[in-house]
Amino acid sequence: MLAVAISVFYAAGTGAGGVVGPALFGMLIESGSRGALSHGYLLAAALMCAAAIVAVVLWVDAERRSLEHVAPPLSSETGNGDERR
């Protein structure tokens, strides 16, 4: 189930970026304004920098480790006997 959740969120994010990105740059190119296109590239660069900062802040050393060692499964029990939901 965890793999399905991961794949759904990945697909949604990739789909949103795959639809919005080309449509946005298509509109910018169609406008004929070099300034607007430059601002579009600057926006894309800023988003990439923000993603890099998030990756550094949330860094998880997960190389050659199973997913269960990186994060406990959603169905695992917590320390007080309650199941995680």
C-alpha atoms as a PDB file:
ATOM      1  CA  MET A   1       0.000   0.000   0.000  1.00  0.00           C
ATOM      2  CA  LEU A   2       2.886   2.356   0.769  1.00  0.00           C
ATOM      3  CA  ALA A   3       4.296   1.856  -2.712  1.00  0.00           C
ATOM      4  CA  VAL A   4       0.919   2.747  -4.198  1.00  0.00           C
ATOM      5  CA  ALA A   5       0.751   5.949  -2.129  1.00  0.00           C
ATOM      6  CA  ILE A   6       4.255   6.943  -3.193  1.00  0.00           C
ATOM      7  CA  SER A   7       3.515   6.259  -6.848  1.00  0.00           C
ATOM      8  CA  VAL A   8       0.230   8.209  -6.743  1.00  0.00           C
ATOM      9  CA  PHE A   9       1.872  11.314  -5.228  1.00  0.00           C
ATOM     10  CA  TYR A  10       4.797  11.062  -7.645  1.00  0.00           C
ATOM     11  CA  ALA A  11       2.465  10.704 -10.619  1.00  0.00           C
ATOM     12  CA  ALA A  12       0.327  13.638  -9.482  1.00  0.00           C
ATOM     13  CA  GLY A  13       3.359  15.903  -9.047  1.00  0.00           C
ATOM     14  CA  THR A  14       4.901  14.846 -12.328  1.00  0.00           C
ATOM     15  CA  GLY A  15       1.578  15.220 -14.134  1.00  0.00           C
ATOM     16  CA  ALA A  16       0.992  18.707 -12.728  1.00  0.00           C
ATOM     17  CA  GLY A  17       4.477  19.839 -13.706  1.00  0.00           C
ATOM     18  CA  GLY A  18       4.201  18.162 -17.079  1.00  0.00           C
ATOM     19  CA  VAL A  19       0.978  20.018 -17.858  1.00  0.00           C
ATOM     20  CA  VAL A  20       1.687  23.428 -16.317  1.00  0.00           C
ATOM     21  CA  GLY A  21       5.297  23.815 -17.493  1.00  0.00           C
ATOM     22  CA  PRO A  22       4.816  23.431 -21.232  1.00  0.00           C
ATOM     23  CA  ALA A  23       1.553  25.386 -21.185  1.00  0.00           C
ATOM     24  CA  LEU A  24       3.171  28.275 -19.305  1.00  0.00           C
ATOM     25  CA  PHE A  25       6.238  28.431 -21.537  1.00  0.00           C
ATOM     26  CA  GLY A  26       4.057  28.060 -24.624  1.00  0.00           C
ATOM     27  CA  MET A  27       2.079  31.132 -23.583  1.00  0.00           C
ATOM     28  CA  LEU A  28       5.282  33.042 -22.819  1.00  0.00           C
ATOM     29  CA  ILE A  29       6.822  32.191 -26.190  1.00  0.00           C
ATOM     30  CA  GLU A  30       3.573  32.987 -27.994  1.00  0.00           C
ATOM     31  CA  SER A  31       3.488  36.428 -26.364  1.00  0.00           C
ATOM     32  CA  GLY A  32       6.664  37.372 -28.252  1.00  0.00           C
ATOM     33  CA  SER A  33       8.034  39.218 -25.227  1.00  0.00           C
ATOM     34  CA  ARG A  34      11.651  38.428 -24.403  1.00  0.00           C
ATOM     35  CA  GLY A  35      11.167  39.915 -20.954  1.00  0.00           C
ATOM     36  CA  ALA A  36       8.233  37.627 -20.180  1.00  0.00           C
ATOM     37  CA  LEU A  37      10.209  34.597 -21.327  1.00  0.00           C
ATOM     38  CA  SER A  38      13.174  35.667 -19.191  1.00  0.00           C
ATOM     39  CA  HIS A  39      10.876  35.976 -16.197  1.00  0.00           C
ATOM     40  CA  GLY A  40       9.567  32.484 -16.911  1.00  0.00           C
ATOM     41  CA  TYR A  41      13.092  31.084 -16.899  1.00  0.00           C
ATOM     42  CA  LEU A  42      13.834  32.990 -13.670  1.00  0.00           C
ATOM     43  CA  LEU A  43      10.695  31.521 -12.103  1.00  0.00           C
ATOM     44  CA  ALA A  44      11.780  28.025 -13.110  1.00  0.00           C
ATOM     45  CA  ALA A  45      15.272  28.637 -11.701  1.00  0.00           C
ATOM     46  CA  ALA A  46      13.803  29.923  -8.425  1.00  0.00           C
ATOM     47  CA  LEU A  47      11.607  26.834  -8.120  1.00  0.00           C
ATOM     48  CA  MET A  48      14.636  24.590  -8.693  1.00  0.00           C
ATOM     49  CA  CYS A  49      16.613  26.485  -6.021  1.00  0.00           C
ATOM     50  CA  ALA A  50      13.693  26.159  -3.596  1.00  0.00           C
ATOM     51  CA  ALA A  51      13.536  22.423  -4.295  1.00  0.00           C
ATOM     52  CA  ALA A  52      17.271  22.131  -3.622  1.00  0.00           C
ATOM     53  CA  ILE A  53      16.876  23.920  -0.284  1.00  0.00           C
ATOM     54  CA  VAL A  54      14.009  21.614   0.694  1.00  0.00           C
ATOM     55  CA  ALA A  55      16.132  18.596  -0.264  1.00  0.00           C
ATOM     56  CA  VAL A  56      19.024  19.818   1.918  1.00  0.00           C
ATOM     57  CA  VAL A  57      16.738  20.554   4.889  1.00  0.00           C
ATOM     58  CA  LEU A  58      14.843  17.257   4.675  1.00  0.00           C
ATOM     59  CA  TRP A  59      17.890  15.143   3.744  1.00  0.00           C
ATOM     60  CA  VAL A  60      17.522  11.458   4.613  1.00  0.00           C
ATOM     61  CA  ASP A  61      20.495   9.137   4.279  1.00  0.00           C
ATOM     62  CA  ALA A  62      18.666   6.323   2.487  1.00  0.00           C
ATOM     63  CA  GLU A  63      21.291   4.829   0.179  1.00  0.00           C
ATOM     64  CA  ARG A  64      21.212   1.021   0.165  1.00  0.00           C
ATOM     65  CA  ARG A  65      18.576   0.920   2.902  1.00  0.00           C
ATOM     66  CA  SER A  66      15.093  -0.537   2.663  1.00  0.00           C
ATOM     67  CA  LEU A  67      12.116   1.777   2.960  1.00  0.00           C
ATOM     68  CA  GLU A  68      11.176   0.216   6.317  1.00  0.00           C
ATOM     69  CA  HIS A  69      14.559   1.313   7.750  1.00  0.00           C
ATOM     70  CA  VAL A  70      14.101   4.874   6.495  1.00  0.00           C
ATOM     71  CA  ALA A  71      10.525   5.329   7.788  1.00  0.00           C
ATOM     72  CA  PRO A  72       8.247   2.957   9.679  1.00  0.00           C
ATOM     73  CA  PRO A  73       5.303   1.533   7.729  1.00  0.00           C
ATOM     74  CA  LEU A  74       1.991   3.338   8.167  1.00  0.00           C
ATOM     75  CA  SER A  75       0.453   0.169   9.601  1.00  0.00           C
ATOM     76  CA  SER A  76       3.103  -0.247  12.322  1.00  0.00           C
ATOM     77  CA  GLU A  77       2.169   0.142  15.971  1.00  0.00           C
ATOM     78  CA  THR A  78       3.343   3.111  18.013  1.00  0.00           C
ATOM     79  CA  GLY A  79       4.940   2.781  21.430  1.00  0.00           C
ATOM     80  CA  ASN A  80       1.689   3.209  23.380  1.00  0.00           C
ATOM     81  CA  GLY A  81      -0.173   0.369  21.649  1.00  0.00           C
ATOM     82  CA  ASP A  82      -2.224   2.578  19.325  1.00  0.00           C
ATOM     83  CA  GLU A  83      -2.040   1.909  15.633  1.00  0.00           C
ATOM     84  CA  ARG A  84      -0.919   4.748  13.392  1.00  0.00           C
ATOM     85  CA  ARG A  85      -3.625   6.030  11.080  1.00  0.00           C
END
